[in-house]
Amino acid sequence: MRSLLLLAALAAPIAAQQCAWTFSPNPIPAVSAAGGSGTLSVTPVEYLCPWTYFSDSAWLTVSPGPAGTGPGAGSVNWAAAPNLTATAVTGNIVIYDYYLYYKEPVTEDAASCSVTLGSTSTTTGATATSGSVTLQTGCVWNATSSVSWLTTGGTGVGYSAGSGNGSFTYNVAANSCYITRSGILTVQPGWATPQPYAAGSQQFTLTQTGSNSSLTLNPSSATYPATGGGGTVQVTTASTCSWSAYSNVSWMSITYTSANAGNGYITYQVAANPSAPRSGVIQIGPQSVTVTQQAAAAATPAVTGVTSAASFLAGAVSPGDIVTIWGSSLGPAAPGVTAQLDSAGTGLTTSLGGTEALFDGAAAALTYSSAGQVNAIVPYEVAGKTTTQLTVSYQGATSAPATLNVEATTPAVFSLDFTGQGNGAILNQDNSLNGKDEPAARGSVVQIFLTGGGVTNPASTDGWITTQIGGQWPMLAAQPVTVTIGGVPVTQINYAGGAPGAVAGLTQINVVVPESVTPGDAVPLEIQVGAAQSQSGITIAVQ
């Protein structure tokens, strides 16, 4: 028993001091990112203890050094593989003497990491698809997606990773919406796993188009009466797809929207239509609903009077007479529609702005059409009649017949101020407009313009723009013509008939002003064609 205690006492101080070591170099200098190698010398401070060694990092390998591995003094060779990451790494050469572990650290610098992508963007269709992106780098890397419908990497991982030059694949889910969408694949060099805000990251943008057929509307069209009304449009699309609705016209409004994504419906209201047929569109995403509305019921035209377009006096009409029809709902709203040529370009149309004027069923050529006034040329077909029935039609509605007396001639001279009074519409011999500043010389020729001259010889054609036939103006007045200026009968009438180049119904009379006329700014002018006399109050300026 005493011997055992003695042995224990002798052993105690030796255990407290055993196996102390020094290492060289210490510390080991940092290694560049390219890697490196060296030898660690292991020297005992006291006692020749046995020891062994190992590395605690896979990138740092160790092997026996030239001085062996003890017991006692020795050395360890070490080698650091290249660092492909964006951070410095530290590993340890571990010396173990069966009592304690001693660590000598080896630090390797971070790599200078960058990455270049083979492409930076692409566009795909609405169907599911896949693709790949190539990259060049000298480091480890990872690739992640910003959106759920664009994925890369294995199931449960959520990202791709690799080292050095390579590529990664991606998968694109089908786009169930009509809206084009974009996702980003971010590639981080120097990191094996995704990191927030990694420096040097590059992005690959994938744009996926939508499909118009992914949203449907029911109904796709609707028709409403002039009184208007309301309606509903059902919207069918995927639950994740957003949409909105708007009307492109002011008279149709969206009154309610049930949702802004997925299946839903909208309601709308169509205002009453005060005029012509119209149409508008409700636009919902890429689809549209066309809404048409019928015209307001046309008011029945009403004829309240008929006057000469030259004298503005009521009375009988004559063949070719240019007249003004007064009333309501006769044609389009002001400013109305002015004269137009027919398709052949040889005469005036008989339908103007939707208006027609019929004399015993014969359509008159029109020079103007509006709601309250229509200017028409009485058809030559009324010749020989004592009365004629006038009706005016507009947008399918027809006025009650108005009975007009018919005479062979109803001469009325046009006036300069369109009142039917004062200075007549007269051209001097030099084609200047007659008036107090441009009076006609006695003995000169003047041209007087009037309507109501009756039929011509040969017969005129309704609405015809007169042209020469055989070098002559053929439309001569069939009735005798007399002219009086200042009470002096005109003895020289050079021409009386249709105005050359004008519409049939406008009469032109060329006369020589008598030398015996007393000059004045307002010399009375009277014209008689057949048995009818022109209106009083028309004058001519004579010097």
Protein backbone atom coordinates (compact mmCIF):
# COMPACT_ATOMS: atom_id res chain seq x y z
CA MET A 1 0.00 0.00 0.00
CA ARG A 2 2.83 2.41 0.90
CA SER A 3 4.54 1.64 -2.40
CA LEU A 4 1.41 2.62 -4.39
CA LEU A 5 1.19 5.94 -2.63
CA LEU A 6 4.85 6.61 -3.34
CA LEU A 7 4.40 5.98 -7.03
CA ALA A 8 1.41 8.32 -7.19
CA ALA A 9 3.36 11.05 -5.46
CA LEU A 10 6.25 10.79 -7.90
CA ALA A 11 3.96 10.83 -10.95
CA ALA A 12 1.96 13.95 -10.05
CA PRO A 13 4.56 16.71 -10.84
CA ILE A 14 5.54 15.09 -14.15
CA ALA A 15 1.91 15.13 -15.49
CA ALA A 16 1.53 18.83 -14.65
CA GLN A 17 4.49 19.85 -16.87
CA GLN A 18 4.46 17.39 -19.68
CA CYS A 19 3.98 17.95 -23.45
CA ALA A 20 4.32 21.71 -23.96
CA TRP A 21 5.02 22.78 -27.58
CA THR A 22 6.19 25.65 -29.76
CA PHE A 23 5.20 26.08 -33.43
CA SER A 24 7.04 27.78 -36.26
CA PRO A 25 6.11 29.88 -38.05
CA ASN A 26 3.62 31.30 -35.61
CA PRO A 27 1.39 32.74 -36.79
CA ILE A 28 1.32 31.26 -40.27
CA PRO A 29 1.13 34.18 -42.78
CA ALA A 30 -2.22 34.61 -44.61
CA VAL A 31 -2.50 32.71 -47.87
CA SER A 32 -3.79 34.36 -51.07
CA ALA A 33 -7.09 33.24 -52.57
CA ALA A 34 -5.11 31.28 -55.16
CA GLY A 35 -4.05 28.85 -52.42
CA GLY A 36 -0.60 27.92 -51.09
CA SER A 37 1.40 25.51 -48.95
CA GLY A 38 4.00 25.40 -46.19
CA THR A 39 5.55 23.44 -43.31
CA LEU A 40 4.75 23.83 -39.62
CA SER A 41 7.59 22.90 -37.27
CA VAL A 42 6.54 21.30 -33.98
CA THR A 43 9.10 21.58 -31.11
CA PRO A 44 8.59 20.23 -27.56
CA VAL A 45 9.35 22.55 -24.68
CA GLU A 46 10.08 19.59 -22.43
CA TYR A 47 9.67 15.86 -22.61
CA LEU A 48 9.57 13.87 -25.78
CA CYS A 49 5.80 13.26 -25.95
CA PRO A 50 4.24 11.44 -28.86
CA TRP A 51 1.73 13.45 -30.96
CA THR A 52 -0.35 13.28 -34.09
CA TYR A 53 -1.96 15.87 -36.38
CA PHE A 54 -5.02 16.54 -38.60
CA SER A 55 -6.91 19.40 -40.35
CA ASP A 56 -10.33 20.60 -39.34
CA SER A 57 -11.16 22.03 -42.83
CA ALA A 58 -11.57 20.16 -46.09
CA TRP A 59 -9.74 22.84 -48.13
CA LEU A 60 -6.68 22.56 -45.82
CA THR A 61 -4.78 19.28 -46.21
CA VAL A 62 -1.85 18.05 -44.05
CA SER A 63 0.88 15.43 -44.43
CA PRO A 64 4.11 14.36 -42.64
CA GLY A 65 6.85 16.96 -42.82
CA PRO A 66 10.53 16.34 -43.46
CA ALA A 67 11.32 16.24 -39.71
CA GLY A 68 8.83 13.48 -39.06
CA THR A 69 6.10 13.50 -36.49
CA GLY A 70 7.88 12.63 -33.19
CA PRO A 71 7.76 11.60 -30.53
CA GLY A 72 9.31 14.91 -29.68
CA ALA A 73 10.23 17.42 -32.39
CA GLY A 74 8.81 17.09 -35.92
CA SER A 75 7.01 18.93 -38.74
CA VAL A 76 3.73 18.93 -40.70
CA ASN A 77 3.31 19.89 -44.38
CA TRP A 78 0.10 21.75 -45.20
CA ALA A 79 -1.58 22.84 -48.45
CA ALA A 80 -4.50 25.28 -48.93
CA ALA A 81 -6.74 24.76 -51.97
CA PRO A 82 -7.85 27.90 -53.90
CA ASN A 83 -10.59 29.94 -52.18
CA LEU A 84 -13.54 30.32 -54.56
CA THR A 85 -15.67 32.34 -52.17
CA ALA A 86 -16.14 36.05 -51.56
CA THR A 87 -15.08 35.77 -47.90
CA ALA A 88 -11.79 34.91 -46.20
CA VAL A 89 -11.69 31.45 -44.63
CA THR A 90 -9.73 30.07 -41.68
CA GLY A 91 -8.82 26.45 -41.01
CA ASN A 92 -6.63 24.87 -38.33
CA ILE A 93 -3.71 22.45 -38.23
CA VAL A 94 -4.53 20.50 -35.07
CA ILE A 95 -1.69 18.93 -32.98
CA TYR A 96 -2.89 16.32 -30.50
CA ASP A 97 -0.56 14.86 -27.89
CA TYR A 98 -3.13 12.55 -26.38
CA TYR A 99 -3.75 15.01 -23.61
CA LEU A 100 -4.58 18.31 -25.31
CA TYR A 101 -5.43 19.73 -28.76
CA TYR A 102 -3.31 22.62 -30.07
CA LYS A 103 -4.57 24.65 -33.06
CA GLU A 104 -2.40 26.59 -35.45
CA PRO A 105 -4.71 28.64 -37.74
CA VAL A 106 -4.25 29.05 -41.50
CA THR A 107 -6.20 32.02 -43.03
CA GLU A 108 -6.89 32.31 -46.77
CA ASP A 109 -7.90 35.60 -48.39
CA ALA A 110 -11.31 36.12 -50.07
CA ALA A 111 -11.45 35.69 -53.82
CA SER A 112 -12.20 38.66 -56.07
CA CYS A 113 -15.40 37.26 -57.55
CA SER A 114 -17.29 38.40 -60.64
CA VAL A 115 -19.71 36.72 -63.01
CA THR A 116 -20.70 37.21 -66.67
CA LEU A 117 -23.99 35.82 -67.95
CA GLY A 118 -24.37 34.42 -71.44
CA SER A 119 -27.55 36.51 -71.83
CA THR A 120 -29.39 38.92 -69.58
CA SER A 121 -33.01 38.57 -70.75
CA THR A 122 -35.49 36.53 -72.73
CA THR A 123 -39.21 36.50 -73.53
CA THR A 124 -41.47 33.44 -73.52
CA GLY A 125 -45.07 32.73 -74.41
CA ALA A 126 -47.94 32.07 -72.02
CA THR A 127 -47.44 28.28 -71.95
CA ALA A 128 -45.17 26.51 -69.45
CA THR A 129 -41.57 26.18 -70.62
CA SER A 130 -37.98 25.82 -69.42
CA GLY A 131 -34.56 27.10 -70.41
CA SER A 132 -31.02 27.62 -69.23
CA VAL A 133 -28.57 30.43 -68.59
CA THR A 134 -24.81 30.04 -69.11
CA LEU A 135 -22.30 31.91 -66.95
CA GLN A 136 -18.58 32.49 -66.59
CA THR A 137 -16.91 32.94 -63.21
CA GLY A 138 -13.89 31.75 -61.24
CA CYS A 139 -15.86 31.38 -58.02
CA VAL A 140 -18.66 29.45 -56.49
CA TRP A 141 -22.09 30.92 -57.30
CA ASN A 142 -25.79 30.58 -56.65
CA ALA A 143 -28.89 31.57 -58.64
CA THR A 144 -32.27 32.46 -57.13
CA SER A 145 -35.63 33.63 -58.49
CA SER A 146 -37.66 36.69 -57.41
CA VAL A 147 -41.07 35.15 -58.19
CA SER A 148 -42.82 31.87 -57.47
CA TRP A 149 -43.74 31.09 -61.08
CA LEU A 150 -40.09 31.16 -62.20
CA THR A 151 -38.05 28.48 -60.41
CA THR A 152 -34.52 27.15 -60.47
CA GLY A 153 -32.76 24.48 -58.40
CA GLY A 154 -33.86 21.19 -56.92
CA THR A 155 -37.07 20.50 -55.06
CA GLY A 156 -36.88 21.84 -51.53
CA VAL A 157 -33.73 23.86 -52.25
CA GLY A 158 -35.16 26.80 -54.17
CA TYR A 159 -31.91 27.84 -55.81
CA SER A 160 -29.17 26.59 -58.13
CA ALA A 161 -25.50 26.51 -57.18
CA GLY A 162 -22.21 25.64 -58.80
CA SER A 163 -18.53 26.46 -59.12
CA GLY A 164 -16.68 28.02 -62.01
CA ASN A 165 -18.01 28.27 -65.56
CA GLY A 166 -21.28 26.49 -66.10
CA SER A 167 -25.01 26.92 -66.49
CA PHE A 168 -28.26 26.50 -64.61
CA THR A 169 -31.78 25.65 -65.74
CA TYR A 170 -35.03 27.39 -64.95
CA ASN A 171 -38.69 26.46 -65.24
CA VAL A 172 -41.54 28.81 -66.16
CA ALA A 173 -45.10 28.01 -65.11
CA ALA A 174 -47.97 28.70 -67.51
CA ASN A 175 -49.31 32.28 -67.35
CA SER A 176 -53.02 31.97 -66.60
CA CYS A 177 -53.56 35.73 -66.97
CA TYR A 178 -53.68 38.08 -69.94
CA ILE A 179 -51.18 40.50 -68.37
CA THR A 180 -47.52 40.15 -69.32
CA ARG A 181 -45.35 39.47 -66.27
CA SER A 182 -41.62 39.60 -65.49
CA GLY A 183 -39.36 37.70 -63.12
CA ILE A 184 -35.68 38.05 -62.24
CA LEU A 185 -33.05 35.36 -61.73
CA THR A 186 -30.21 36.76 -59.60
CA VAL A 187 -26.76 35.15 -59.84
CA GLN A 188 -24.42 35.81 -56.86
CA PRO A 189 -20.71 35.08 -57.39
CA GLY A 190 -18.62 33.98 -54.43
CA TRP A 191 -21.47 32.45 -52.47
CA ALA A 192 -22.64 28.86 -52.47
CA THR A 193 -25.96 29.84 -50.88
CA PRO A 194 -28.10 32.96 -51.41
CA GLN A 195 -27.04 36.06 -49.49
CA PRO A 196 -28.81 39.40 -49.04
CA TYR A 197 -27.30 42.22 -51.09
CA ALA A 198 -24.31 40.23 -52.37
CA ALA A 199 -21.85 42.44 -54.22
CA GLY A 200 -21.28 41.81 -57.93
CA SER A 201 -24.62 40.09 -58.46
CA GLN A 202 -25.97 39.89 -62.02
CA GLN A 203 -29.60 39.59 -63.13
CA PHE A 204 -31.36 37.66 -65.86
CA THR A 205 -34.85 39.06 -66.65
CA LEU A 206 -37.50 36.74 -68.05
CA THR A 207 -40.66 38.27 -69.52
CA GLN A 208 -43.67 36.04 -70.08
CA THR A 209 -46.54 37.21 -72.26
CA GLY A 210 -50.13 36.65 -71.26
CA SER A 211 -52.92 35.07 -73.26
CA ASN A 212 -55.97 37.10 -74.25
CA SER A 213 -58.05 33.95 -74.17
CA SER A 214 -57.43 33.61 -70.42
CA LEU A 215 -60.17 36.19 -69.81
CA THR A 216 -63.67 35.83 -71.26
CA LEU A 217 -66.73 38.06 -71.15
CA ASN A 218 -70.39 37.19 -71.35
CA PRO A 219 -72.09 38.69 -73.27
CA SER A 220 -69.70 40.10 -75.85
CA SER A 221 -72.26 42.54 -77.29
CA ALA A 222 -75.56 44.18 -76.44
CA THR A 223 -78.17 46.39 -78.11
CA TYR A 224 -80.35 48.96 -76.37
CA PRO A 225 -83.33 51.03 -77.45
CA ALA A 226 -83.14 54.80 -77.60
CA THR A 227 -84.53 54.99 -74.08
CA GLY A 228 -81.36 53.37 -72.70
CA GLY A 229 -81.09 50.83 -69.88
CA GLY A 230 -78.68 48.82 -67.75
CA GLY A 231 -76.75 45.60 -68.16
CA THR A 232 -74.30 43.13 -66.61
CA VAL A 233 -71.11 41.58 -67.98
CA GLN A 234 -69.74 38.37 -66.42
CA VAL A 235 -65.94 38.12 -66.22
CA THR A 236 -64.24 34.72 -66.10
CA THR A 237 -60.50 34.43 -65.42
CA ALA A 238 -58.01 32.81 -63.02
CA SER A 239 -58.24 33.84 -59.35
CA THR A 240 -54.80 35.48 -59.46
CA CYS A 241 -55.54 37.60 -62.51
CA SER A 242 -56.45 41.23 -61.94
CA TRP A 243 -58.67 43.24 -64.29
CA SER A 244 -60.49 46.55 -64.56
CA ALA A 245 -63.30 47.92 -66.71
CA TYR A 246 -63.93 51.23 -68.43
CA SER A 247 -66.26 52.73 -71.04
CA ASN A 248 -64.95 54.64 -74.04
CA VAL A 249 -68.02 56.87 -74.38
CA SER A 250 -69.58 59.39 -72.00
CA TRP A 251 -73.15 58.13 -72.44
CA MET A 252 -72.34 54.68 -71.02
CA SER A 253 -70.99 54.38 -67.45
CA ILE A 254 -69.68 51.54 -65.27
CA THR A 255 -71.86 51.54 -62.14
CA TYR A 256 -70.42 48.59 -60.15
CA THR A 257 -67.46 46.21 -60.18
CA SER A 258 -67.74 43.10 -58.02
CA ALA A 259 -64.01 42.33 -57.84
CA ASN A 260 -60.67 43.35 -59.22
CA ALA A 261 -59.27 39.83 -59.67
CA GLY A 262 -60.62 36.41 -60.58
CA ASN A 263 -64.20 35.72 -61.57
CA GLY A 264 -66.62 38.61 -61.16
CA TYR A 265 -68.98 40.93 -62.95
CA ILE A 266 -69.64 44.58 -63.71
CA THR A 267 -72.86 46.50 -64.16
CA TYR A 268 -73.29 49.45 -66.49
CA GLN A 269 -75.89 52.02 -67.48
CA VAL A 270 -76.74 53.36 -70.97
CA ALA A 271 -78.22 56.87 -71.11
CA ALA A 272 -81.16 57.79 -73.34
CA ASN A 273 -80.20 58.55 -76.94
CA PRO A 274 -81.42 61.92 -78.22
CA SER A 275 -80.31 61.51 -81.82
CA ALA A 276 -78.75 59.12 -84.35
CA PRO A 277 -77.75 55.47 -83.74
CA ARG A 278 -74.52 55.13 -81.77
CA SER A 279 -72.17 52.54 -80.38
CA GLY A 280 -69.60 52.31 -77.60
CA VAL A 281 -67.26 49.79 -76.02
CA ILE A 282 -66.81 48.46 -72.49
CA GLN A 283 -63.17 47.38 -72.26
CA ILE A 284 -62.23 44.71 -69.70
CA GLY A 285 -58.63 43.63 -69.98
CA PRO A 286 -57.97 42.55 -73.57
CA GLN A 287 -61.64 41.83 -74.30
CA SER A 288 -64.47 44.21 -75.10
CA VAL A 289 -68.23 44.35 -75.14
CA THR A 290 -69.72 46.35 -78.02
CA VAL A 291 -72.88 48.19 -77.03
CA THR A 292 -75.10 49.65 -79.75
CA GLN A 293 -78.05 51.91 -79.19
CA GLN A 294 -80.89 52.64 -81.53
CA ALA A 295 -81.67 56.16 -82.69
CA ALA A 296 -84.23 58.29 -80.99
CA ALA A 297 -87.57 58.17 -82.71
CA ALA A 298 -87.42 60.74 -85.45
CA ALA A 299 -89.75 63.70 -85.06
CA THR A 300 -92.22 64.01 -87.91
CA PRO A 301 -91.18 66.76 -90.34
CA ALA A 302 -93.66 69.61 -90.57
CA VAL A 303 -93.87 72.07 -93.50
CA THR A 304 -95.05 75.52 -92.36
CA GLY A 305 -94.48 77.50 -95.55
CA VAL A 306 -92.87 77.72 -98.99
CA THR A 307 -91.32 80.91 -100.41
CA SER A 308 -89.24 81.92 -103.39
CA ALA A 309 -85.55 81.56 -102.55
CA ALA A 310 -84.98 84.91 -104.29
CA SER A 311 -87.88 87.14 -103.13
CA PHE A 312 -88.79 85.25 -99.91
CA LEU A 313 -92.41 85.78 -100.87
CA ALA A 314 -95.01 83.04 -100.58
CA GLY A 315 -97.06 82.15 -103.63
CA ALA A 316 -97.25 79.75 -106.51
CA VAL A 317 -94.29 77.73 -107.72
CA SER A 318 -93.17 77.03 -111.25
CA PRO A 319 -91.07 74.38 -113.04
CA GLY A 320 -87.40 74.84 -112.08
CA ASP A 321 -88.26 77.42 -109.41
CA ILE A 322 -85.70 77.60 -106.58
CA VAL A 323 -87.76 77.67 -103.40
CA THR A 324 -87.20 77.67 -99.63
CA ILE A 325 -89.24 75.23 -97.59
CA TRP A 326 -89.77 76.29 -93.95
CA GLY A 327 -90.76 74.08 -91.05
CA SER A 328 -89.45 71.83 -88.27
CA SER A 329 -87.59 68.50 -88.16
CA LEU A 330 -86.96 68.85 -91.89
CA GLY A 331 -83.29 67.82 -91.72
CA PRO A 332 -80.11 67.75 -89.63
CA ALA A 333 -79.42 70.26 -86.89
CA ALA A 334 -77.70 73.57 -87.65
CA PRO A 335 -75.51 74.44 -89.43
CA GLY A 336 -77.11 71.93 -91.80
CA VAL A 337 -75.73 70.48 -95.03
CA THR A 338 -74.96 72.42 -98.22
CA ALA A 339 -75.27 71.33 -101.87
CA GLN A 340 -73.49 68.22 -103.11
CA LEU A 341 -72.96 66.76 -106.57
CA ASP A 342 -74.39 63.38 -107.47
CA SER A 343 -72.16 60.35 -108.07
CA ALA A 344 -71.84 61.21 -111.78
CA GLY A 345 -70.75 64.76 -110.97
CA THR A 346 -73.21 66.24 -113.49
CA GLY A 347 -75.95 67.47 -111.15
CA LEU A 348 -77.05 68.09 -107.59
CA THR A 349 -78.21 65.26 -105.33
CA THR A 350 -81.85 64.80 -104.40
CA SER A 351 -80.96 63.52 -100.90
CA LEU A 352 -79.02 65.85 -98.63
CA GLY A 353 -78.23 65.10 -95.01
CA GLY A 354 -80.98 62.48 -94.97
CA THR A 355 -83.58 64.92 -96.35
CA GLU A 356 -85.72 64.51 -99.48
CA ALA A 357 -88.32 66.91 -100.90
CA LEU A 358 -90.94 65.34 -103.20
CA PHE A 359 -93.30 67.22 -105.53
CA ASP A 360 -96.04 64.79 -106.53
CA GLY A 361 -93.54 62.04 -105.74
CA ALA A 362 -90.75 63.51 -107.94
CA ALA A 363 -87.56 64.14 -105.95
CA ALA A 364 -86.29 67.71 -106.12
CA ALA A 365 -82.62 68.64 -106.38
CA LEU A 366 -81.53 70.19 -103.05
CA THR A 367 -79.11 73.03 -102.37
CA TYR A 368 -79.39 73.12 -98.56
CA SER A 369 -80.89 71.03 -95.76
CA SER A 370 -81.38 71.75 -92.07
CA ALA A 371 -84.00 71.17 -89.39
CA GLY A 372 -85.84 74.42 -90.08
CA GLN A 373 -85.09 75.15 -93.73
CA VAL A 374 -84.67 73.24 -96.98
CA ASN A 375 -83.78 74.83 -100.31
CA ALA A 376 -85.08 72.87 -103.27
CA ILE A 377 -85.51 73.22 -107.03
CA VAL A 378 -89.05 72.42 -108.13
CA PRO A 379 -88.92 69.50 -110.60
CA TYR A 380 -89.78 70.31 -114.21
CA GLU A 381 -92.38 67.50 -113.98
CA VAL A 382 -94.88 69.99 -112.47
CA ALA A 383 -95.14 71.82 -115.80
CA GLY A 384 -98.74 71.98 -117.02
CA LYS A 385 -100.23 71.27 -113.57
CA THR A 386 -102.30 73.69 -111.52
CA THR A 387 -101.26 72.28 -108.11
CA THR A 388 -98.62 69.99 -106.67
CA GLN A 389 -98.35 68.05 -103.40
CA LEU A 390 -95.13 68.70 -101.46
CA THR A 391 -93.83 66.29 -98.80
CA VAL A 392 -90.50 66.36 -96.97
CA SER A 393 -88.91 63.18 -95.59
CA TYR A 394 -86.14 62.99 -92.98
CA GLN A 395 -84.76 59.83 -91.36
CA GLY A 396 -87.72 57.78 -92.49
CA ALA A 397 -90.41 60.18 -91.26
CA THR A 398 -92.53 62.13 -93.79
CA SER A 399 -94.43 65.37 -93.42
CA ALA A 400 -98.07 65.82 -94.18
CA PRO A 401 -98.63 66.93 -97.82
CA ALA A 402 -98.67 70.67 -98.50
CA THR A 403 -100.68 71.78 -101.56
CA LEU A 404 -98.96 74.41 -103.70
CA ASN A 405 -100.37 76.27 -106.70
CA VAL A 406 -98.39 75.89 -109.92
CA GLU A 407 -97.94 78.55 -112.57
CA ALA A 408 -95.92 78.54 -115.78
CA THR A 409 -93.50 81.19 -114.45
CA THR A 410 -92.85 82.88 -111.09
CA PRO A 411 -89.91 85.25 -111.76
CA ALA A 412 -88.04 86.59 -108.71
CA VAL A 413 -84.70 88.44 -108.87
CA PHE A 414 -82.01 87.57 -106.33
CA SER A 415 -80.80 90.53 -104.23
CA LEU A 416 -77.28 91.23 -103.04
CA ASP A 417 -78.24 91.08 -99.38
CA PHE A 418 -80.44 87.97 -99.75
CA THR A 419 -83.53 89.81 -98.51
CA GLY A 420 -85.37 89.90 -101.84
CA GLN A 421 -85.17 93.69 -101.84
CA GLY A 422 -82.68 96.38 -102.86
CA ASN A 423 -79.84 96.08 -105.35
CA GLY A 424 -80.28 92.97 -107.47
CA ALA A 425 -77.71 90.24 -108.04
CA ILE A 426 -76.40 91.85 -111.25
CA LEU A 427 -73.02 91.78 -113.00
CA ASN A 428 -71.79 94.72 -115.04
CA GLN A 429 -70.28 94.34 -118.50
CA ASP A 430 -66.81 93.95 -116.96
CA ASN A 431 -68.20 91.25 -114.60
CA SER A 432 -67.94 93.55 -111.59
CA LEU A 433 -70.79 93.35 -109.07
CA ASN A 434 -73.33 96.07 -109.74
CA GLY A 435 -73.92 98.54 -106.92
CA LYS A 436 -73.67 102.21 -106.04
CA ASP A 437 -69.86 101.94 -106.06
CA GLU A 438 -69.89 100.05 -109.36
CA PRO A 439 -72.86 101.38 -111.38
CA ALA A 440 -73.64 100.16 -114.89
CA ALA A 441 -73.06 102.55 -117.75
CA ARG A 442 -75.99 103.33 -120.00
CA GLY A 443 -75.58 101.41 -123.21
CA SER A 444 -73.59 98.65 -121.47
CA VAL A 445 -74.59 95.02 -121.00
CA VAL A 446 -75.63 93.73 -117.59
CA GLN A 447 -76.36 90.18 -116.43
CA ILE A 448 -79.39 89.74 -114.19
CA PHE A 449 -79.91 86.55 -112.12
CA LEU A 450 -83.30 85.28 -111.08
CA THR A 451 -85.36 82.14 -110.62
CA GLY A 452 -88.89 81.11 -111.62
CA GLY A 453 -88.22 81.42 -115.35
CA GLY A 454 -90.18 78.25 -116.11
CA VAL A 455 -89.34 75.58 -118.64
CA THR A 456 -86.62 76.07 -121.22
CA ASN A 457 -86.23 75.20 -124.85
CA PRO A 458 -84.91 72.57 -125.13
CA ALA A 459 -86.18 71.20 -121.80
CA SER A 460 -83.85 71.31 -118.82
CA THR A 461 -83.04 68.33 -116.61
CA ASP A 462 -83.74 68.50 -112.87
CA GLY A 463 -80.61 69.51 -110.92
CA TRP A 464 -78.39 69.49 -114.02
CA ILE A 465 -75.28 71.68 -114.05
CA THR A 466 -75.63 73.34 -117.45
CA THR A 467 -72.96 72.79 -120.08
CA GLN A 468 -72.58 73.83 -123.67
CA ILE A 469 -73.94 71.60 -126.41
CA GLY A 470 -72.37 72.11 -129.79
CA GLY A 471 -70.64 75.26 -128.52
CA GLN A 472 -73.97 76.84 -127.58
CA TRP A 473 -75.87 77.38 -124.35
CA PRO A 474 -79.13 75.65 -125.31
CA MET A 475 -81.43 76.33 -122.33
CA LEU A 476 -83.42 79.35 -123.57
CA ALA A 477 -86.49 80.63 -121.78
CA ALA A 478 -89.61 79.17 -123.39
CA GLN A 479 -91.80 82.10 -122.26
CA PRO A 480 -91.40 85.67 -123.59
CA VAL A 481 -89.22 87.96 -121.49
CA THR A 482 -89.52 91.73 -121.01
CA VAL A 483 -87.30 93.98 -118.91
CA THR A 484 -87.90 97.50 -117.68
CA ILE A 485 -85.17 99.69 -116.10
CA GLY A 486 -86.26 102.93 -114.46
CA GLY A 487 -89.56 102.70 -116.29
CA VAL A 488 -87.79 102.43 -119.66
CA PRO A 489 -88.46 99.22 -121.61
CA VAL A 490 -85.30 97.38 -122.62
CA THR A 491 -85.19 96.94 -126.36
CA GLN A 492 -82.09 94.79 -126.56
CA ILE A 493 -82.16 91.45 -124.72
CA ASN A 494 -79.09 89.46 -125.73
CA TYR A 495 -79.83 86.27 -123.78
CA ALA A 496 -82.56 84.82 -121.57
CA GLY A 497 -82.31 81.26 -120.31
CA GLY A 498 -80.43 78.96 -117.98
CA ALA A 499 -77.36 80.54 -116.32
CA PRO A 500 -74.30 79.02 -118.07
CA GLY A 501 -72.39 76.64 -115.76
CA ALA A 502 -74.99 76.92 -112.98
CA VAL A 503 -77.72 74.57 -111.83
CA ALA A 504 -80.85 74.31 -113.96
CA GLY A 505 -83.44 76.64 -112.42
CA LEU A 506 -81.17 79.67 -112.14
CA THR A 507 -82.11 82.05 -114.97
CA GLN A 508 -79.78 84.62 -116.51
CA ILE A 509 -80.94 87.58 -118.61
CA ASN A 510 -78.38 89.73 -120.44
CA VAL A 511 -79.69 93.15 -121.47
CA VAL A 512 -78.36 96.49 -122.71
CA VAL A 513 -79.16 99.35 -120.33
CA PRO A 514 -81.21 101.92 -122.31
CA GLU A 515 -79.49 105.26 -122.96
CA SER A 516 -82.60 107.10 -121.83
CA VAL A 517 -82.58 105.68 -118.30
CA THR A 518 -82.21 108.35 -115.61
CA PRO A 519 -79.02 107.52 -113.66
CA GLY A 520 -79.18 106.69 -109.96
CA ASP A 521 -77.98 104.38 -107.22
CA ALA A 522 -81.34 102.58 -106.95
CA VAL A 523 -83.10 102.56 -110.32
CA PRO A 524 -86.20 100.27 -110.28
CA LEU A 525 -85.83 96.99 -112.18
CA GLU A 526 -88.81 94.91 -113.33
CA ILE A 527 -88.80 91.64 -115.24
CA GLN A 528 -91.71 89.82 -116.74
CA VAL A 529 -91.50 86.21 -117.91
CA GLY A 530 -94.67 85.02 -119.57
CA ALA A 531 -97.62 86.42 -117.65
CA ALA A 532 -95.82 86.83 -114.30
CA GLN A 533 -94.00 89.87 -112.96
CA SER A 534 -90.94 89.86 -110.67
CA GLN A 535 -91.20 91.26 -107.14
CA SER A 536 -91.16 95.01 -106.59
CA GLY A 537 -88.32 96.69 -104.70
CA ILE A 538 -85.43 95.35 -106.80
CA THR A 539 -83.07 98.04 -108.11
CA ILE A 540 -79.99 98.53 -110.30
CA ALA A 541 -77.29 101.21 -110.04
CA VAL A 542 -76.90 103.19 -113.30
CA GLN A 543 -74.54 106.04 -114.17
